[in-house]
C-alpha atoms as a PDB file:
ATOM      1  CA  UNK A   1       0.006   0.086   0.013  1.00  0.00           C
ATOM      2  CA  UNK A   2       1.537   3.429  -1.346  1.00  0.00           C
ATOM      3  CA  UNK A   3       0.316   6.740  -0.989  1.00  0.00           C
ATOM      4  CA  UNK A   4       2.354   9.556  -2.444  1.00  0.00           C
ATOM      5  CA  UNK A   5       0.662  12.199  -1.629  1.00  0.00           C
ATOM      6  CA  UNK A   6       1.515  12.006   2.205  1.00  0.00           C
ATOM      7  CA  UNK A   7       4.796  14.350   2.024  1.00  0.00           C
ATOM      8  CA  UNK A   8       7.319  14.433   4.873  1.00  0.00           C
ATOM      9  CA  UNK A   9       6.216  17.930   5.728  1.00  0.00           C
ATOM     10  CA  UNK A  10       2.494  16.613   6.635  1.00  0.00           C
ATOM     11  CA  UNK A  11       3.691  14.394   9.371  1.00  0.00           C
ATOM     12  CA  UNK A  12       5.335  15.024  12.583  1.00  0.00           C
ATOM     13  CA  UNK A  13       9.023  14.119  13.457  1.00  0.00           C
ATOM     14  CA  UNK A  14      10.001  13.164  16.796  1.00  0.00           C
ATOM     15  CA  UNK A  15      13.143  12.249  18.312  1.00  0.00           C
ATOM     16  CA  UNK A  16      14.358   9.169  20.348  1.00  0.00           C
ATOM     17  CA  UNK A  17      17.556   9.770  22.603  1.00  0.00           C
ATOM     18  CA  UNK A  18      19.615   7.173  23.981  1.00  0.00           C
ATOM     19  CA  UNK A  19      21.883   9.668  26.019  1.00  0.00           C
ATOM     20  CA  UNK A  20      24.704   8.142  24.206  1.00  0.00           C
ATOM     21  CA  UNK A  21      28.100   7.981  26.401  1.00  0.00           C
ATOM     22  CA  UNK A  22      31.240   8.528  23.963  1.00  0.00           C
ATOM     23  CA  UNK A  23      34.492   7.295  24.608  1.00  0.00           C
ATOM     24  CA  UNK A  24      36.350   9.369  26.527  1.00  0.00           C
ATOM     25  CA  UNK A  25      33.281  11.070  27.614  1.00  0.00           C
ATOM     26  CA  UNK A  26      31.218  10.593  31.180  1.00  0.00           C
ATOM     27  CA  UNK A  27      27.091  10.256  31.696  1.00  0.00           C
ATOM     28  CA  UNK A  28      27.147  13.815  33.108  1.00  0.00           C
ATOM     29  CA  UNK A  29      28.399  14.953  29.707  1.00  0.00           C
ATOM     30  CA  UNK A  30      25.812  12.715  27.833  1.00  0.00           C
ATOM     31  CA  UNK A  31      22.887  14.129  30.049  1.00  0.00           C
ATOM     32  CA  UNK A  32      24.076  17.574  29.421  1.00  0.00           C
ATOM     33  CA  UNK A  33      23.870  17.016  25.466  1.00  0.00           C
ATOM     34  CA  UNK A  34      20.486  15.337  25.903  1.00  0.00           C
ATOM     35  CA  UNK A  35      19.323  18.612  27.364  1.00  0.00           C
ATOM     36  CA  UNK A  36      20.933  20.628  24.511  1.00  0.00           C
ATOM     37  CA  UNK A  37      19.490  18.578  21.879  1.00  0.00           C
ATOM     38  CA  UNK A  38      16.109  18.770  23.253  1.00  0.00           C
ATOM     39  CA  UNK A  39      15.885  22.269  23.267  1.00  0.00           C
ATOM     40  CA  UNK A  40      17.222  22.647  19.605  1.00  0.00           C
ATOM     41  CA  UNK A  41      14.692  20.202  18.189  1.00  0.00           C
ATOM     42  CA  UNK A  42      12.082  22.044  20.104  1.00  0.00           C
ATOM     43  CA  UNK A  43      13.224  25.241  18.412  1.00  0.00           C
ATOM     44  CA  UNK A  44      13.210  23.476  15.153  1.00  0.00           C
ATOM     45  CA  UNK A  45       9.657  22.027  15.341  1.00  0.00           C
ATOM     46  CA  UNK A  46       9.936  18.529  16.270  1.00  0.00           C
ATOM     47  CA  UNK A  47       7.221  16.995  18.126  1.00  0.00           C
ATOM     48  CA  UNK A  48       8.214  14.819  20.962  1.00  0.00           C
ATOM     49  CA  UNK A  49      11.415  13.812  22.432  1.00  0.00           C
ATOM     50  CA  UNK A  50      11.784  10.321  24.081  1.00  0.00           C
ATOM     51  CA  UNK A  51      14.293   8.581  26.214  1.00  0.00           C
ATOM     52  CA  UNK A  52      15.039   4.838  26.194  1.00  0.00           C
ATOM     53  CA  UNK A  53      15.378   2.387  29.291  1.00  0.00           C
ATOM     54  CA  UNK A  54      18.492   0.298  28.662  1.00  0.00           C
ATOM     55  CA  UNK A  55      20.675  -0.880  31.653  1.00  0.00           C
ATOM     56  CA  UNK A  56      24.235  -2.076  32.103  1.00  0.00           C
ATOM     57  CA  UNK A  57      25.301  -0.774  28.635  1.00  0.00           C
ATOM     58  CA  UNK A  58      28.447   1.528  28.721  1.00  0.00           C
ATOM     59  CA  UNK A  59      27.006   3.576  25.727  1.00  0.00           C
ATOM     60  CA  UNK A  60      23.558   4.791  27.455  1.00  0.00           C
ATOM     61  CA  UNK A  61      23.165   6.888  29.915  1.00  0.00           C
ATOM     62  CA  UNK A  62      19.227   6.885  30.146  1.00  0.00           C
ATOM     63  CA  UNK A  63      18.902   3.965  32.505  1.00  0.00           C
ATOM     64  CA  UNK A  64      16.800   5.972  35.102  1.00  0.00           C
ATOM     65  CA  UNK A  65      14.400   7.042  32.354  1.00  0.00           C
ATOM     66  CA  UNK A  66      11.828   8.863  34.425  1.00  0.00           C
ATOM     67  CA  UNK A  67      14.468  11.124  36.073  1.00  0.00           C
ATOM     68  CA  UNK A  68      16.114  11.921  32.719  1.00  0.00           C
ATOM     69  CA  UNK A  69      12.328  12.842  31.236  1.00  0.00           C
ATOM     70  CA  UNK A  70      11.697  15.162  34.012  1.00  0.00           C
ATOM     71  CA  UNK A  71      15.170  16.806  33.513  1.00  0.00           C
ATOM     72  CA  UNK A  72      14.342  17.218  29.689  1.00  0.00           C
ATOM     73  CA  UNK A  73      10.838  18.477  30.528  1.00  0.00           C
ATOM     74  CA  UNK A  74      12.073  21.175  32.937  1.00  0.00           C
ATOM     75  CA  UNK A  75      14.682  22.661  30.691  1.00  0.00           C
ATOM     76  CA  UNK A  76      11.956  22.792  27.675  1.00  0.00           C
ATOM     77  CA  UNK A  77       8.719  24.531  27.305  1.00  0.00           C
ATOM     78  CA  UNK A  78       6.465  22.919  24.425  1.00  0.00           C
ATOM     79  CA  UNK A  79       7.962  19.924  23.204  1.00  0.00           C
ATOM     80  CA  UNK A  80       6.343  16.460  24.409  1.00  0.00           C
ATOM     81  CA  UNK A  81       8.818  14.475  26.419  1.00  0.00           C
ATOM     82  CA  UNK A  82       8.417  10.916  27.291  1.00  0.00           C
ATOM     83  CA  UNK A  83       9.513   7.199  27.204  1.00  0.00           C
ATOM     84  CA  UNK A  84      10.452   5.086  24.237  1.00  0.00           C
ATOM     85  CA  UNK A  85      10.219   3.003  26.555  1.00  0.00           C
ATOM     86  CA  UNK A  86       9.789   2.051  30.005  1.00  0.00           C
ATOM     87  CA  UNK A  87      10.320  -1.587  29.862  1.00  0.00           C
ATOM     88  CA  UNK A  88       7.333  -2.350  32.221  1.00  0.00           C
ATOM     89  CA  UNK A  89       8.442  -6.205  33.112  1.00  0.00           C
ATOM     90  CA  UNK A  90      11.335  -4.333  35.203  1.00  0.00           C
ATOM     91  CA  UNK A  91       8.901  -2.715  37.338  1.00  0.00           C
ATOM     92  CA  UNK A  92       6.050  -2.780  39.770  1.00  0.00           C
ATOM     93  CA  UNK A  93       3.122  -0.889  37.634  1.00  0.00           C
ATOM     94  CA  UNK A  94       2.179   1.037  40.641  1.00  0.00           C
ATOM     95  CA  UNK A  95       5.415   2.651  40.739  1.00  0.00           C
ATOM     96  CA  UNK A  96       5.601   3.774  36.865  1.00  0.00           C
ATOM     97  CA  UNK A  97       2.023   4.815  37.564  1.00  0.00           C
ATOM     98  CA  UNK A  98       3.256   7.232  40.451  1.00  0.00           C
ATOM     99  CA  UNK A  99       6.081   8.408  38.458  1.00  0.00           C
ATOM    100  CA  UNK A 100       4.500   9.191  35.311  1.00  0.00           C
ATOM    101  CA  UNK A 101       1.916  10.903  37.392  1.00  0.00           C
ATOM    102  CA  UNK A 102       4.224  12.808  39.108  1.00  0.00           C
ATOM    103  CA  UNK A 103       5.601  13.921  35.749  1.00  0.00           C
ATOM    104  CA  UNK A 104       2.045  14.942  34.066  1.00  0.00           C
ATOM    105  CA  UNK A 105       1.609  16.931  37.348  1.00  0.00           C
ATOM    106  CA  UNK A 106       4.625  18.710  37.060  1.00  0.00           C
ATOM    107  CA  UNK A 107       4.466  19.351  32.934  1.00  0.00           C
ATOM    108  CA  UNK A 108       0.953  19.176  32.232  1.00  0.00           C
ATOM    109  CA  UNK A 109      -0.168  17.752  28.677  1.00  0.00           C
ATOM    110  CA  UNK A 110       3.525  17.107  27.782  1.00  0.00           C
ATOM    111  CA  UNK A 111       4.078  13.853  28.974  1.00  0.00           C
ATOM    112  CA  UNK A 112       3.819  10.371  26.960  1.00  0.00           C
ATOM    113  CA  UNK A 113       4.411   7.189  28.342  1.00  0.00           C
ATOM    114  CA  UNK A 114       5.813   4.196  25.948  1.00  0.00           C
ATOM    115  CA  UNK A 115       5.811   0.903  27.105  1.00  0.00           C
ATOM    116  CA  UNK A 116       7.914  -2.097  26.155  1.00  0.00           C
ATOM    117  CA  UNK A 117       7.851  -5.942  27.345  1.00  0.00           C
ATOM    118  CA  UNK A 118      11.527  -6.701  26.732  1.00  0.00           C
ATOM    119  CA  UNK A 119      13.926  -6.233  29.425  1.00  0.00           C
ATOM    120  CA  UNK A 120      16.340  -3.548  27.965  1.00  0.00           C
ATOM    121  CA  UNK A 121      19.229  -5.482  29.138  1.00  0.00           C
ATOM    122  CA  UNK A 122      20.968  -8.803  29.704  1.00  0.00           C
ATOM    123  CA  UNK A 123      19.142 -11.538  31.721  1.00  0.00           C
ATOM    124  CA  UNK A 124      21.459 -11.220  34.827  1.00  0.00           C
ATOM    125  CA  UNK A 125      20.831  -7.405  34.942  1.00  0.00           C
ATOM    126  CA  UNK A 126      17.317  -8.117  34.391  1.00  0.00           C
ATOM    127  CA  UNK A 127      17.582 -10.349  37.647  1.00  0.00           C
ATOM    128  CA  UNK A 128      18.961  -7.631  39.707  1.00  0.00           C
ATOM    129  CA  UNK A 129      16.028  -5.027  38.775  1.00  0.00           C
ATOM    130  CA  UNK A 130      13.613  -7.522  39.307  1.00  0.00           C
ATOM    131  CA  UNK A 131      15.155  -9.723  41.876  1.00  0.00           C
ATOM    132  CA  UNK A 132      13.489 -12.566  40.479  1.00  0.00           C
ATOM    133  CA  UNK A 133      12.193 -13.517  36.796  1.00  0.00           C
ATOM    134  CA  UNK A 134       8.666 -14.548  37.303  1.00  0.00           C
ATOM    135  CA  UNK A 135       8.067 -11.473  34.879  1.00  0.00           C
ATOM    136  CA  UNK A 136       9.338 -12.587  31.696  1.00  0.00           C
ATOM    137  CA  UNK A 137       7.047 -10.204  29.433  1.00  0.00           C
ATOM    138  CA  UNK A 138       4.475 -13.145  28.883  1.00  0.00           C
ATOM    139  CA  UNK A 139       2.098 -11.248  31.413  1.00  0.00           C
ATOM    140  CA  UNK A 140       2.618  -8.030  29.776  1.00  0.00           C
ATOM    141  CA  UNK A 141      -1.012  -7.463  29.269  1.00  0.00           C
ATOM    142  CA  UNK A 142      -1.727  -8.248  32.706  1.00  0.00           C
ATOM    143  CA  UNK A 143       0.816  -5.548  33.647  1.00  0.00           C
ATOM    144  CA  UNK A 144      -0.356  -3.119  31.219  1.00  0.00           C
ATOM    145  CA  UNK A 145      -4.166  -3.411  32.372  1.00  0.00           C
ATOM    146  CA  UNK A 146      -3.023  -2.943  35.891  1.00  0.00           C
ATOM    147  CA  UNK A 147      -0.944   0.046  34.953  1.00  0.00           C
ATOM    148  CA  UNK A 148      -3.837   1.551  32.959  1.00  0.00           C
ATOM    149  CA  UNK A 149      -6.415   1.050  35.999  1.00  0.00           C
ATOM    150  CA  UNK A 150      -4.379   3.188  38.519  1.00  0.00           C
ATOM    151  CA  UNK A 151      -4.729   6.090  35.666  1.00  0.00           C
ATOM    152  CA  UNK A 152      -8.528   5.184  35.012  1.00  0.00           C
ATOM    153  CA  UNK A 153     -10.121   3.164  38.193  1.00  0.00           C
ATOM    154  CA  UNK A 154     -13.125   2.608  36.085  1.00  0.00           C
ATOM    155  CA  UNK A 155     -11.348  -0.005  34.038  1.00  0.00           C
ATOM    156  CA  UNK A 156     -10.964  -2.217  36.678  1.00  0.00           C
ATOM    157  CA  UNK A 157     -13.992  -1.791  39.195  1.00  0.00           C
ATOM    158  CA  UNK A 158     -14.251  -3.933  42.276  1.00  0.00           C
ATOM    159  CA  UNK A 159     -10.383  -4.505  42.450  1.00  0.00           C
ATOM    160  CA  UNK A 160      -8.408  -4.003  45.518  1.00  0.00           C
ATOM    161  CA  UNK A 161      -8.103  -0.008  46.076  1.00  0.00           C
ATOM    162  CA  UNK A 162      -4.601   0.514  45.882  1.00  0.00           C
ATOM    163  CA  UNK A 163      -4.675   4.104  44.360  1.00  0.00           C
ATOM    164  CA  UNK A 164      -1.755   5.952  42.283  1.00  0.00           C
ATOM    165  CA  UNK A 165      -1.454   9.576  43.799  1.00  0.00           C
ATOM    166  CA  UNK A 166      -0.293  11.216  41.902  1.00  0.00           C
ATOM    167  CA  UNK A 167      -1.385   9.591  38.700  1.00  0.00           C
ATOM    168  CA  UNK A 168      -5.152   8.494  39.022  1.00  0.00           C
ATOM    169  CA  UNK A 169      -7.576  10.408  36.721  1.00  0.00           C
ATOM    170  CA  UNK A 170      -4.718  11.890  34.669  1.00  0.00           C
ATOM    171  CA  UNK A 171      -4.853  11.673  31.170  1.00  0.00           C
ATOM    172  CA  UNK A 172      -1.230  10.527  30.060  1.00  0.00           C
ATOM    173  CA  UNK A 173      -1.041   8.917  26.229  1.00  0.00           C
ATOM    174  CA  UNK A 174       0.182   5.324  26.619  1.00  0.00           C
ATOM    175  CA  UNK A 175       1.852   3.941  23.630  1.00  0.00           C
ATOM    176  CA  UNK A 176       2.782   0.186  23.128  1.00  0.00           C
ATOM    177  CA  UNK A 177       6.468  -0.087  21.719  1.00  0.00           C
ATOM    178  CA  UNK A 178       7.663  -3.135  19.798  1.00  0.00           C
ATOM    179  CA  UNK A 179       9.947  -4.889  17.377  1.00  0.00           C
ATOM    180  CA  UNK A 180       7.636  -7.774  16.361  1.00  0.00           C
ATOM    181  CA  UNK A 181       4.119  -8.847  16.111  1.00  0.00           C
ATOM    182  CA  UNK A 182       2.863  -9.206  20.161  1.00  0.00           C
ATOM    183  CA  UNK A 183       2.742  -5.570  20.821  1.00  0.00           C
ATOM    184  CA  UNK A 184       1.484  -4.511  17.450  1.00  0.00           C
ATOM    185  CA  UNK A 185      -1.362  -7.081  17.794  1.00  0.00           C
ATOM    186  CA  UNK A 186      -2.025  -5.893  21.669  1.00  0.00           C
ATOM    187  CA  UNK A 187      -1.979  -2.315  20.731  1.00  0.00           C
ATOM    188  CA  UNK A 188      -4.559  -2.795  18.037  1.00  0.00           C
ATOM    189  CA  UNK A 189      -6.897  -5.089  19.825  1.00  0.00           C
ATOM    190  CA  UNK A 190      -6.733  -2.095  22.937  1.00  0.00           C
ATOM    191  CA  UNK A 191      -7.102   0.847  20.350  1.00  0.00           C
ATOM    192  CA  UNK A 192      -3.888   2.436  21.343  1.00  0.00           C
ATOM    193  CA  UNK A 193      -0.951   4.133  19.617  1.00  0.00           C
ATOM    194  CA  UNK A 194       1.845   1.770  18.481  1.00  0.00           C
ATOM    195  CA  UNK A 195       5.534   2.569  17.742  1.00  0.00           C
ATOM    196  CA  UNK A 196       7.605   0.239  15.823  1.00  0.00           C
ATOM    197  CA  UNK A 197      11.482  -0.223  16.322  1.00  0.00           C
ATOM    198  CA  UNK A 198      12.280  -0.146  12.604  1.00  0.00           C
ATOM    199  CA  UNK A 199      15.779   1.120  13.365  1.00  0.00           C
ATOM    200  CA  UNK A 200      16.926  -2.295  14.746  1.00  0.00           C
ATOM    201  CA  UNK A 201      13.810  -4.596  13.503  1.00  0.00           C
ATOM    202  CA  UNK A 202      13.661  -3.222   9.623  1.00  0.00           C
ATOM    203  CA  UNK A 203      12.439  -6.622   8.395  1.00  0.00           C
ATOM    204  CA  UNK A 204       9.408  -6.880  10.565  1.00  0.00           C
ATOM    205  CA  UNK A 205       8.246  -3.393   9.862  1.00  0.00           C
ATOM    206  CA  UNK A 206       5.523  -3.898   7.386  1.00  0.00           C
ATOM    207  CA  UNK A 207       4.365  -7.205   8.686  1.00  0.00           C
ATOM    208  CA  UNK A 208       3.792  -5.815  12.212  1.00  0.00           C
ATOM    209  CA  UNK A 209       2.042  -2.621  10.406  1.00  0.00           C
ATOM    210  CA  UNK A 210      -0.302  -5.037   8.713  1.00  0.00           C
ATOM    211  CA  UNK A 211      -0.920  -6.654  11.994  1.00  0.00           C
ATOM    212  CA  UNK A 212      -1.546  -3.464  14.079  1.00  0.00           C
ATOM    213  CA  UNK A 213      -3.975  -1.965  11.460  1.00  0.00           C
ATOM    214  CA  UNK A 214      -5.952  -5.102  10.627  1.00  0.00           C
ATOM    215  CA  UNK A 215      -6.267  -5.901  14.311  1.00  0.00           C
ATOM    216  CA  UNK A 216      -7.242  -2.400  15.277  1.00  0.00           C
ATOM    217  CA  UNK A 217     -10.372  -1.762  17.180  1.00  0.00           C
ATOM    218  CA  UNK A 218     -11.463   1.756  17.995  1.00  0.00           C
ATOM    219  CA  UNK A 219     -11.247   2.986  21.742  1.00  0.00           C
ATOM    220  CA  UNK A 220     -11.760   5.995  23.609  1.00  0.00           C
ATOM    221  CA  UNK A 221      -8.124   7.012  22.759  1.00  0.00           C
ATOM    222  CA  UNK A 222      -8.234   6.631  18.980  1.00  0.00           C
ATOM    223  CA  UNK A 223     -10.471   6.001  16.310  1.00  0.00           C
ATOM    224  CA  UNK A 224      -7.986   5.126  13.887  1.00  0.00           C
ATOM    225  CA  UNK A 225      -4.685   3.505  14.051  1.00  0.00           C
ATOM    226  CA  UNK A 226      -1.767   5.446  14.779  1.00  0.00           C
ATOM    227  CA  UNK A 227       1.631   4.235  13.669  1.00  0.00           C
ATOM    228  CA  UNK A 228       4.977   5.826  14.521  1.00  0.00           C
ATOM    229  CA  UNK A 229       8.332   4.390  13.221  1.00  0.00           C
ATOM    230  CA  UNK A 230      11.546   4.486  14.808  1.00  0.00           C
ATOM    231  CA  UNK A 231      14.387   5.198  11.958  1.00  0.00           C
ATOM    232  CA  UNK A 232      18.034   5.759  12.070  1.00  0.00           C
ATOM    233  CA  UNK A 233      18.658   8.921  10.475  1.00  0.00           C
ATOM    234  CA  UNK A 234      21.971  10.151  10.002  1.00  0.00           C
ATOM    235  CA  UNK A 235      22.965  13.530   7.718  1.00  0.00           C
ATOM    236  CA  UNK A 236      26.169  15.047   6.659  1.00  0.00           C
ATOM    237  CA  UNK A 237      26.628  17.830   4.633  1.00  0.00           C
ATOM    238  CA  UNK A 238      27.289  15.394   1.746  1.00  0.00           C
ATOM    239  CA  UNK A 239      26.685  11.763   1.273  1.00  0.00           C
ATOM    240  CA  UNK A 240      30.243  10.618   2.139  1.00  0.00           C
ATOM    241  CA  UNK A 241      30.100  12.621   5.303  1.00  0.00           C
ATOM    242  CA  UNK A 242      26.920  11.198   6.208  1.00  0.00           C
ATOM    243  CA  UNK A 243      27.958   7.526   5.671  1.00  0.00           C
ATOM    244  CA  UNK A 244      31.035   8.041   7.620  1.00  0.00           C
ATOM    245  CA  UNK A 245      29.082   9.446  10.435  1.00  0.00           C
ATOM    246  CA  UNK A 246      27.027   6.536  10.299  1.00  0.00           C
ATOM    247  CA  UNK A 247      29.622   4.250  10.999  1.00  0.00           C
ATOM    248  CA  UNK A 248      29.660   5.076  14.851  1.00  0.00           C
ATOM    249  CA  UNK A 249      26.143   3.388  14.905  1.00  0.00           C
ATOM    250  CA  UNK A 250      27.607   0.248  13.031  1.00  0.00           C
ATOM    251  CA  UNK A 251      30.471   0.198  15.132  1.00  0.00           C
ATOM    252  CA  UNK A 252      27.681   0.052  18.389  1.00  0.00           C
ATOM    253  CA  UNK A 253      25.834  -2.669  16.704  1.00  0.00           C
ATOM    254  CA  UNK A 254      28.975  -4.478  15.971  1.00  0.00           C
ATOM    255  CA  UNK A 255      30.288  -4.418  19.352  1.00  0.00           C
ATOM    256  CA  UNK A 256      26.981  -6.019  20.717  1.00  0.00           C
ATOM    257  CA  UNK A 257      27.407  -8.736  18.039  1.00  0.00           C
ATOM    258  CA  UNK A 258      31.186  -9.459  19.079  1.00  0.00           C
ATOM    259  CA  UNK A 259      30.080  -9.197  23.046  1.00  0.00           C
ATOM    260  CA  UNK A 260      32.079  -6.251  23.374  1.00  0.00           C
ATOM    261  CA  UNK A 261      31.273  -3.625  25.844  1.00  0.00           C
ATOM    262  CA  UNK A 262      32.527   0.195  24.746  1.00  0.00           C
ATOM    263  CA  UNK A 263      31.285   3.588  24.987  1.00  0.00           C
ATOM    264  CA  UNK A 264      30.274   5.198  21.540  1.00  0.00           C
ATOM    265  CA  UNK A 265      33.269   4.957  19.036  1.00  0.00           C
ATOM    266  CA  UNK A 266      34.175   8.106  16.785  1.00  0.00           C
ATOM    267  CA  UNK A 267      33.559   7.201  13.037  1.00  0.00           C
ATOM    268  CA  UNK A 268      36.100   5.463  10.805  1.00  0.00           C
ATOM    269  CA  UNK A 269      36.907   4.962   7.137  1.00  0.00           C
ATOM    270  CA  UNK A 270      36.770   1.815   5.189  1.00  0.00           C
ATOM    271  CA  UNK A 271      34.242   0.322   7.911  1.00  0.00           C
ATOM    272  CA  UNK A 272      33.249  -2.487   5.603  1.00  0.00           C
ATOM    273  CA  UNK A 273      36.742  -3.691   5.175  1.00  0.00           C
ATOM    274  CA  UNK A 274      36.852  -4.568   9.044  1.00  0.00           C
ATOM    275  CA  UNK A 275      33.936  -6.879   8.735  1.00  0.00           C
ATOM    276  CA  UNK A 276      33.376 -10.856   8.104  1.00  0.00           C
ATOM    277  CA  UNK A 277      30.709 -12.103   6.255  1.00  0.00           C
ATOM    278  CA  UNK A 278      28.412 -13.149   9.331  1.00  0.00           C
ATOM    279  CA  UNK A 279      29.113  -9.648  10.733  1.00  0.00           C
ATOM    280  CA  UNK A 280      27.872  -8.036   7.388  1.00  0.00           C
ATOM    281  CA  UNK A 281      24.768  -9.964   7.320  1.00  0.00           C
ATOM    282  CA  UNK A 282      23.928  -9.514  10.974  1.00  0.00           C
ATOM    283  CA  UNK A 283      24.384  -5.618  10.632  1.00  0.00           C
ATOM    284  CA  UNK A 284      22.473  -5.320   7.399  1.00  0.00           C
ATOM    285  CA  UNK A 285      19.533  -7.555   9.201  1.00  0.00           C
ATOM    286  CA  UNK A 286      19.379  -5.151  12.000  1.00  0.00           C
ATOM    287  CA  UNK A 287      20.455  -1.481  10.393  1.00  0.00           C
ATOM    288  CA  UNK A 288      19.102  -2.435   6.872  1.00  0.00           C
ATOM    289  CA  UNK A 289      16.582   0.380   7.249  1.00  0.00           C
ATOM    290  CA  UNK A 290      19.359   3.274   8.087  1.00  0.00           C
ATOM    291  CA  UNK A 291      19.201   6.360   6.138  1.00  0.00           C
ATOM    292  CA  UNK A 292      22.510   7.842   5.917  1.00  0.00           C
ATOM    293  CA  UNK A 293      24.031  10.620   3.441  1.00  0.00           C
ATOM    294  CA  UNK A 294      23.493  14.060   2.448  1.00  0.00           C
ATOM    295  CA  UNK A 295      20.155  16.251   2.604  1.00  0.00           C
ATOM    296  CA  UNK A 296      18.976  15.382  -1.244  1.00  0.00           C
ATOM    297  CA  UNK A 297      19.832  11.491  -0.631  1.00  0.00           C
ATOM    298  CA  UNK A 298      18.261  11.269   2.941  1.00  0.00           C
ATOM    299  CA  UNK A 299      15.143  13.190   1.767  1.00  0.00           C
ATOM    300  CA  UNK A 300      14.635  11.027  -1.300  1.00  0.00           C
ATOM    301  CA  UNK A 301      14.973   7.956   1.180  1.00  0.00           C
ATOM    302  CA  UNK A 302      12.659   9.080   3.646  1.00  0.00           C
ATOM    303  CA  UNK A 303      10.113   9.975   1.326  1.00  0.00           C
ATOM    304  CA  UNK A 304      10.340   6.246  -0.066  1.00  0.00           C
ATOM    305  CA  UNK A 305       9.858   5.037   3.263  1.00  0.00           C
ATOM    306  CA  UNK A 306       6.991   6.923   4.203  1.00  0.00           C
ATOM    307  CA  UNK A 307       5.216   5.877   1.205  1.00  0.00           C
ATOM    308  CA  UNK A 308       6.305   2.264   1.679  1.00  0.00           C
ATOM    309  CA  UNK A 309       4.921   2.234   5.387  1.00  0.00           C
ATOM    310  CA  UNK A 310       2.149   5.047   5.528  1.00  0.00           C
ATOM    311  CA  UNK A 311       3.734   5.912   8.897  1.00  0.00           C
ATOM    312  CA  UNK A 312       1.728   8.653  10.542  1.00  0.00           C
ATOM    313  CA  UNK A 313       4.728   9.980  12.584  1.00  0.00           C
ATOM    314  CA  UNK A 314       8.397   9.323  12.039  1.00  0.00           C
ATOM    315  CA  UNK A 315      10.944   9.127  15.466  1.00  0.00           C
ATOM    316  CA  UNK A 316      14.214   9.739  14.548  1.00  0.00           C
ATOM    317  CA  UNK A 317      17.332   8.179  16.311  1.00  0.00           C
ATOM    318  CA  UNK A 318      20.927   9.445  15.295  1.00  0.00           C
ATOM    319  CA  UNK A 319      23.651   8.116  17.064  1.00  0.00           C
ATOM    320  CA  UNK A 320      26.463  10.305  15.998  1.00  0.00           C
ATOM    321  CA  UNK A 321      29.604  10.638  17.848  1.00  0.00           C
ATOM    322  CA  UNK A 322      30.252  14.406  17.713  1.00  0.00           C
ATOM    323  CA  UNK A 323      27.619  16.111  19.730  1.00  0.00           C
ATOM    324  CA  UNK A 324      27.778  19.492  17.146  1.00  0.00           C
ATOM    325  CA  UNK A 325      27.420  17.158  14.165  1.00  0.00           C
ATOM    326  CA  UNK A 326      24.451  15.223  15.540  1.00  0.00           C
ATOM    327  CA  UNK A 327      22.719  18.965  16.229  1.00  0.00           C
ATOM    328  CA  UNK A 328      23.724  19.454  12.775  1.00  0.00           C
ATOM    329  CA  UNK A 329      22.093  16.282  11.456  1.00  0.00           C
ATOM    330  CA  UNK A 330      18.756  17.252  12.943  1.00  0.00           C
ATOM    331  CA  UNK A 331      18.731  20.605  11.933  1.00  0.00           C
ATOM    332  CA  UNK A 332      19.256  19.587   8.136  1.00  0.00           C
ATOM    333  CA  UNK A 333      16.342  17.264   8.672  1.00  0.00           C
ATOM    334  CA  UNK A 334      14.278  19.688   9.937  1.00  0.00           C
ATOM    335  CA  UNK A 335      15.245  21.926   7.030  1.00  0.00           C
ATOM    336  CA  UNK A 336      14.415  19.235   4.499  1.00  0.00           C
ATOM    337  CA  UNK A 337      10.960  18.380   6.040  1.00  0.00           C
ATOM    338  CA  UNK A 338      10.008  21.802   6.102  1.00  0.00           C
ATOM    339  CA  UNK A 339       9.923  21.963  10.017  1.00  0.00           C
ATOM    340  CA  UNK A 340      12.254  25.097  10.576  1.00  0.00           C
ATOM    341  CA  UNK A 341      10.799  27.871   8.890  1.00  0.00           C
ATOM    342  CA  UNK A 342      12.961  30.570  10.555  1.00  0.00           C
ATOM    343  CA  UNK A 343      16.049  28.280  10.107  1.00  0.00           C
ATOM    344  CA  UNK A 344      17.172  28.895  13.660  1.00  0.00           C
END
């Protein structure tokens, strides 16, 4: 299904930030850069700014996701701020209801709660987070129902009356995040917005969208399905620069494949020469939808991606080593998608 009438300027663009820790840098540096990037993309017309929960990863500083959301929301004024996502099996639903109820109370009308069912880490770390592994993601629908009932007690009349204060009766948009079909179908059945991780699961994008849209049932939240897609987008002033900048992201995934723990690495030349065939295929499988290059190339490839997927919103991930280059990438993206009219 394609519809070339949906132009890049017609749909919102948002940001997913992993608060990357670079080699030679500190988490404090990363969190300062996170706020700086949020302030810039707010001025450039981006729609929302999400932080991701990962643990025991030396290149990600956003593990205390709710805390970082509060930091970003306090330093901005209008952009929506949220989680992409909170890994619900790591937490008691009541705790998340209270945390996001607090955030919504502090920053009314600006908080999103994106939820995933993966641990966001290795199983040893998951055990440290949860103390036991009885919650392996299979009970995610039950956890989600409990969480939603804390915000809206009418969803579970007659249950034991534990209340989320703050949280109760607050309208906090809940999104389901996924990289396969499970959350796509659940989001459809519940009539919730769905965010898919095309940035690391590109081969499942179209099947997951079809499952979400075909299983969608209108709800008090949404009358029609709403799908946001995460995409790696890396712009340089030229195709050569954009592709070179993208080798930082490639090295990050290569380190995961090789089971090497390391901060984010600077870009390198001739990256392909350093790979064996298995590594080349693994990177293609996970990063095959990455869009890197100069402005015209990126604009053309993004338009094709929107044509192919009919995405309602694009969430951009730009794992770029140098902070100024990262800012410039988002600025150029705002320009080519016509959300930077003042050329700030």
